[in-house]
Every structure is written in structure tokens, then in C-alpha cells.
Amino acid sequence: MTIQIPISQAKAKLTELVRLSEGGEEVVLTRHGRAVIRFEPVCAASTREKRRAALEELSGILKGEYDGPSERVTDFLYDENGLPG
């Protein structure tokens, strides 16, 4: 869902608009009905569900129960040329 709000109204709601953007909502500021600015978080906010899924996956890896692609588990060990980093 995209939230469009005139700049004149956004001044009073800046904190709320930033929080919405951090939470994944698309926030667009308008001037005279035309979109001029879109808020975009610098880094995506992590949801509780995403964190839980990541922890469960890590737990499975540590217990030897991971059945996904093996290159994903060892990506951090090698550089872009496939050499040990």
C-alpha cells in the first residue's frame, strides 16, 4: 500500500511517516498533487517472523539438519573468485 500525503501535512506527521516507512510502507510526499519524494529506509526493518525464521534455520544448521544448498552455508568463507577469504 502506498501512502501519499502533501508536504504541507507531512511536516506535522514526520515521525509517524518515518516509522511507517521503516516498517515497509511506501510513503510518498506530494506537491500540488504530484509525487515528488518517496521515503525509503536505509536498511530494511527486520520483522519478528523473519528473525525467528533465521534463528530456526541457524539452529538447524548447527544441529546438522540443514538440507538447503551447501554453498549458502559456506558463502562467507570464500571471496568473489571462489578463493578462501
Protein backbone atom coordinates (compact mmCIF):
# COMPACT_ATOMS: atom_id res chain seq x y z
CA MET A 1 0.00 0.00 0.00
CA THR A 2 1.27 3.46 -0.87
CA ILE A 3 0.62 6.37 1.45
CA GLN A 4 0.52 9.69 -0.38
CA ILE A 5 0.49 12.87 1.67
CA PRO A 6 1.00 16.54 0.79
CA ILE A 7 4.26 18.02 2.04
CA SER A 8 2.32 20.66 3.98
CA GLN A 9 0.61 17.92 6.05
CA ALA A 10 3.71 15.73 6.28
CA LYS A 11 5.54 18.37 8.34
CA ALA A 12 3.33 17.64 11.34
CA LYS A 13 3.49 13.86 10.90
CA LEU A 14 7.15 13.33 10.01
CA THR A 15 7.93 10.94 12.88
CA GLU A 16 4.90 8.79 12.09
CA LEU A 17 5.72 8.74 8.36
CA VAL A 18 9.31 7.69 9.06
CA ARG A 19 8.09 4.84 11.28
CA LEU A 20 5.68 3.68 8.58
CA SER A 21 8.46 3.74 6.00
CA GLU A 22 10.78 1.80 8.31
CA GLY A 23 8.01 -0.76 8.70
CA GLY A 24 7.83 -1.35 4.95
CA GLU A 25 5.09 1.04 3.88
CA GLU A 26 5.73 3.13 0.79
CA VAL A 27 5.41 6.81 1.77
CA VAL A 28 5.24 9.42 -1.00
CA LEU A 29 5.15 13.17 -0.42
CA THR A 30 3.25 15.24 -2.95
CA ARG A 31 3.26 18.87 -4.03
CA HIS A 32 0.17 20.18 -5.82
CA GLY A 33 -0.98 16.58 -6.30
CA ARG A 34 2.27 15.40 -7.94
CA ALA A 35 4.56 12.86 -6.28
CA VAL A 36 7.92 14.49 -5.51
CA ILE A 37 9.62 12.45 -2.78
CA ARG A 38 9.49 8.79 -1.73
CA PHE A 39 10.75 7.72 1.71
CA GLU A 40 12.95 4.63 1.66
CA PRO A 41 14.61 3.11 4.70
CA VAL A 42 18.40 2.83 4.62
CA CYS A 43 18.17 -0.76 5.82
CA ALA A 44 15.06 -2.85 5.88
CA ALA A 45 13.45 -3.38 9.23
CA SER A 46 13.51 -6.93 10.43
CA THR A 47 10.22 -8.41 11.46
CA ARG A 48 9.81 -10.78 14.37
CA GLU A 49 8.84 -13.56 11.94
CA LYS A 50 11.97 -13.03 9.81
CA ARG A 51 14.21 -13.08 12.87
CA ARG A 52 12.53 -16.25 14.17
CA ALA A 53 12.89 -17.99 10.78
CA ALA A 54 16.57 -17.03 10.61
CA LEU A 55 17.19 -18.36 14.11
CA GLU A 56 15.39 -21.61 13.31
CA GLU A 57 17.47 -22.03 10.15
CA LEU A 58 20.67 -21.33 12.06
CA SER A 59 19.63 -23.79 14.75
CA GLY A 60 19.08 -26.45 12.08
CA ILE A 61 22.49 -25.75 10.58
CA LEU A 62 24.17 -26.09 13.95
CA LYS A 63 22.34 -29.39 14.62
CA GLY A 64 23.33 -30.74 11.19
CA GLU A 65 19.72 -30.72 9.99
CA TYR A 66 20.17 -28.16 7.21
CA ASP A 67 19.09 -29.56 3.84
CA GLY A 68 19.42 -26.40 1.75
CA PRO A 69 22.15 -25.59 -0.79
CA SER A 70 25.59 -26.12 0.73
CA GLU A 71 27.09 -23.06 -0.94
CA ARG A 72 24.83 -20.86 1.16
CA VAL A 73 26.31 -22.20 4.38
CA THR A 74 29.89 -21.53 3.27
CA ASP A 75 29.44 -18.31 1.26
CA PHE A 76 31.23 -16.23 3.87
CA LEU A 77 34.35 -18.45 3.69
CA TYR A 78 35.25 -17.55 0.09
CA ASP A 79 35.76 -14.33 -1.86
CA GLU A 80 34.13 -13.45 -5.20
CA ASN A 81 36.74 -15.57 -7.07
CA GLY A 82 35.99 -18.68 -5.04
CA LEU A 83 39.24 -18.44 -3.09
CA PRO A 84 39.45 -18.72 0.69
CA GLY A 85 38.96 -15.28 2.16
